[in-house]
C-alpha atoms as a PDB file:
ATOM      1  CA  UNK A   1      22.837 -18.296 -22.371  1.00  0.00           C
ATOM      2  CA  UNK A   2      18.941 -17.945 -20.544  1.00  0.00           C
ATOM      3  CA  UNK A   3      16.920 -15.226 -21.236  1.00  0.00           C
ATOM      4  CA  UNK A   4      15.669 -13.126 -18.638  1.00  0.00           C
ATOM      5  CA  UNK A   5      12.183 -13.420 -17.937  1.00  0.00           C
ATOM      6  CA  UNK A   6       9.461 -11.469 -15.532  1.00  0.00           C
ATOM      7  CA  UNK A   7       6.087 -12.837 -14.029  1.00  0.00           C
ATOM      8  CA  UNK A   8       3.800 -10.176 -12.233  1.00  0.00           C
ATOM      9  CA  UNK A   9       1.815 -11.441  -9.558  1.00  0.00           C
ATOM     10  CA  UNK A  10      -0.229 -10.082  -6.906  1.00  0.00           C
ATOM     11  CA  UNK A  11       0.612 -11.232  -3.264  1.00  0.00           C
ATOM     12  CA  UNK A  12      -2.227 -12.416  -1.112  1.00  0.00           C
ATOM     13  CA  UNK A  13      -4.205 -10.292   1.568  1.00  0.00           C
ATOM     14  CA  UNK A  14      -3.177 -10.990   4.685  1.00  0.00           C
ATOM     15  CA  UNK A  15       0.373 -12.351   4.200  1.00  0.00           C
ATOM     16  CA  UNK A  16       3.094 -11.274   6.393  1.00  0.00           C
ATOM     17  CA  UNK A  17       5.911 -13.596   4.884  1.00  0.00           C
ATOM     18  CA  UNK A  18       6.374 -16.584   2.598  1.00  0.00           C
ATOM     19  CA  UNK A  19       8.165 -18.259  -0.073  1.00  0.00           C
ATOM     20  CA  UNK A  20       7.971 -17.711  -3.756  1.00  0.00           C
ATOM     21  CA  UNK A  21       8.994 -20.352  -6.304  1.00  0.00           C
ATOM     22  CA  UNK A  22       8.057 -20.749 -10.232  1.00  0.00           C
ATOM     23  CA  UNK A  23       7.424 -24.211 -11.775  1.00  0.00           C
ATOM     24  CA  UNK A  24       7.890 -24.546 -15.853  1.00  0.00           C
ATOM     25  CA  UNK A  25       6.621 -27.204 -17.389  1.00  0.00           C
ATOM     26  CA  UNK A  26       6.095 -29.054 -14.261  1.00  0.00           C
ATOM     27  CA  UNK A  27       9.870 -28.806 -12.802  1.00  0.00           C
ATOM     28  CA  UNK A  28      10.034 -26.419  -9.649  1.00  0.00           C
ATOM     29  CA  UNK A  29      12.444 -24.185  -9.471  1.00  0.00           C
ATOM     30  CA  UNK A  30      14.500 -22.172  -6.256  1.00  0.00           C
ATOM     31  CA  UNK A  31      12.397 -20.751  -3.634  1.00  0.00           C
ATOM     32  CA  UNK A  32      12.934 -17.151  -2.543  1.00  0.00           C
ATOM     33  CA  UNK A  33      11.711 -15.668   0.736  1.00  0.00           C
ATOM     34  CA  UNK A  34       9.790 -12.779   0.759  1.00  0.00           C
ATOM     35  CA  UNK A  35       8.660 -10.113   3.605  1.00  0.00           C
ATOM     36  CA  UNK A  36       5.794  -7.895   3.401  1.00  0.00           C
ATOM     37  CA  UNK A  37       6.360  -4.812   5.493  1.00  0.00           C
ATOM     38  CA  UNK A  38       3.856  -3.148   7.794  1.00  0.00           C
ATOM     39  CA  UNK A  39       2.332  -0.113   7.191  1.00  0.00           C
ATOM     40  CA  UNK A  40       3.628   2.532   8.984  1.00  0.00           C
ATOM     41  CA  UNK A  41       2.871   6.317   9.470  1.00  0.00           C
ATOM     42  CA  UNK A  42       5.693   8.776   9.403  1.00  0.00           C
ATOM     43  CA  UNK A  43       3.934  11.982   9.705  1.00  0.00           C
ATOM     44  CA  UNK A  44       0.740  14.076   9.578  1.00  0.00           C
ATOM     45  CA  UNK A  45       0.645  17.270   8.366  1.00  0.00           C
ATOM     46  CA  UNK A  46      -1.122  19.994   9.624  1.00  0.00           C
ATOM     47  CA  UNK A  47      -1.036  17.821  13.230  1.00  0.00           C
ATOM     48  CA  UNK A  48      -4.268  19.929  14.573  1.00  0.00           C
ATOM     49  CA  UNK A  49      -7.133  21.764  13.095  1.00  0.00           C
ATOM     50  CA  UNK A  50     -10.980  22.228  12.847  1.00  0.00           C
ATOM     51  CA  UNK A  51     -12.921  19.626  11.712  1.00  0.00           C
ATOM     52  CA  UNK A  52     -13.185  19.640   8.097  1.00  0.00           C
ATOM     53  CA  UNK A  53      -9.575  20.152   7.449  1.00  0.00           C
ATOM     54  CA  UNK A  54      -7.592  18.432   5.168  1.00  0.00           C
ATOM     55  CA  UNK A  55      -4.501  16.419   6.104  1.00  0.00           C
ATOM     56  CA  UNK A  56      -1.710  14.928   4.735  1.00  0.00           C
ATOM     57  CA  UNK A  57      -0.350  11.541   5.891  1.00  0.00           C
ATOM     58  CA  UNK A  58       3.324  10.224   4.849  1.00  0.00           C
ATOM     59  CA  UNK A  59       4.121   6.631   5.584  1.00  0.00           C
ATOM     60  CA  UNK A  60       5.640   3.539   3.998  1.00  0.00           C
ATOM     61  CA  UNK A  61       4.009   0.560   2.793  1.00  0.00           C
ATOM     62  CA  UNK A  62       0.636   2.249   1.645  1.00  0.00           C
ATOM     63  CA  UNK A  63       0.952   0.477  -1.333  1.00  0.00           C
ATOM     64  CA  UNK A  64       1.119   1.767  -5.129  1.00  0.00           C
ATOM     65  CA  UNK A  65      -2.434   2.814  -5.124  1.00  0.00           C
ATOM     66  CA  UNK A  66      -5.055   3.639  -2.303  1.00  0.00           C
ATOM     67  CA  UNK A  67      -8.408   2.342  -3.847  1.00  0.00           C
ATOM     68  CA  UNK A  68      -9.176   0.275  -1.014  1.00  0.00           C
ATOM     69  CA  UNK A  69      -7.264   2.408   1.640  1.00  0.00           C
ATOM     70  CA  UNK A  70      -8.750   3.895   4.829  1.00  0.00           C
ATOM     71  CA  UNK A  71      -7.827   6.291   7.258  1.00  0.00           C
ATOM     72  CA  UNK A  72      -9.240   6.748  10.920  1.00  0.00           C
ATOM     73  CA  UNK A  73      -9.068   9.258  13.366  1.00  0.00           C
ATOM     74  CA  UNK A  74     -10.217   7.989  16.527  1.00  0.00           C
ATOM     75  CA  UNK A  75     -11.652   5.159  14.849  1.00  0.00           C
ATOM     76  CA  UNK A  76     -13.993   7.131  12.635  1.00  0.00           C
ATOM     77  CA  UNK A  77     -13.110   5.914   8.876  1.00  0.00           C
ATOM     78  CA  UNK A  78     -12.421   8.343   6.360  1.00  0.00           C
ATOM     79  CA  UNK A  79     -11.915   7.828   2.311  1.00  0.00           C
ATOM     80  CA  UNK A  80      -8.591   9.325   1.095  1.00  0.00           C
ATOM     81  CA  UNK A  81      -8.646  11.882  -1.540  1.00  0.00           C
ATOM     82  CA  UNK A  82      -8.283  10.498  -4.993  1.00  0.00           C
ATOM     83  CA  UNK A  83      -4.798  11.574  -6.455  1.00  0.00           C
ATOM     84  CA  UNK A  84      -4.602  14.850  -8.203  1.00  0.00           C
ATOM     85  CA  UNK A  85      -7.780  15.904  -6.461  1.00  0.00           C
ATOM     86  CA  UNK A  86      -8.436  19.817  -6.144  1.00  0.00           C
ATOM     87  CA  UNK A  87      -9.529  20.854  -2.485  1.00  0.00           C
ATOM     88  CA  UNK A  88     -11.269  23.829  -2.319  1.00  0.00           C
ATOM     89  CA  UNK A  89     -12.509  25.340   0.730  1.00  0.00           C
ATOM     90  CA  UNK A  90     -16.468  26.663   0.680  1.00  0.00           C
ATOM     91  CA  UNK A  91     -17.634  29.407   2.423  1.00  0.00           C
END
């Protein structure tokens, strides 16, 4: 019986589709095709508010971490708040 193994690697930036394979001791294995889904916004809440309003954007394929993510409003980039950030209004 063959031993189950796992290899973790990062898909290169800009990749949309491609093939993956593993070579062990100079012997190539089979190829598997993968597709990187596009980022898609499925919702925003609230949908309106004054300048300074904190909004939550939901969607798919944003990645497991948002350290390099940027959200833009009318081409004005805004950095997302860190996970678990406490948001308070200053009066």
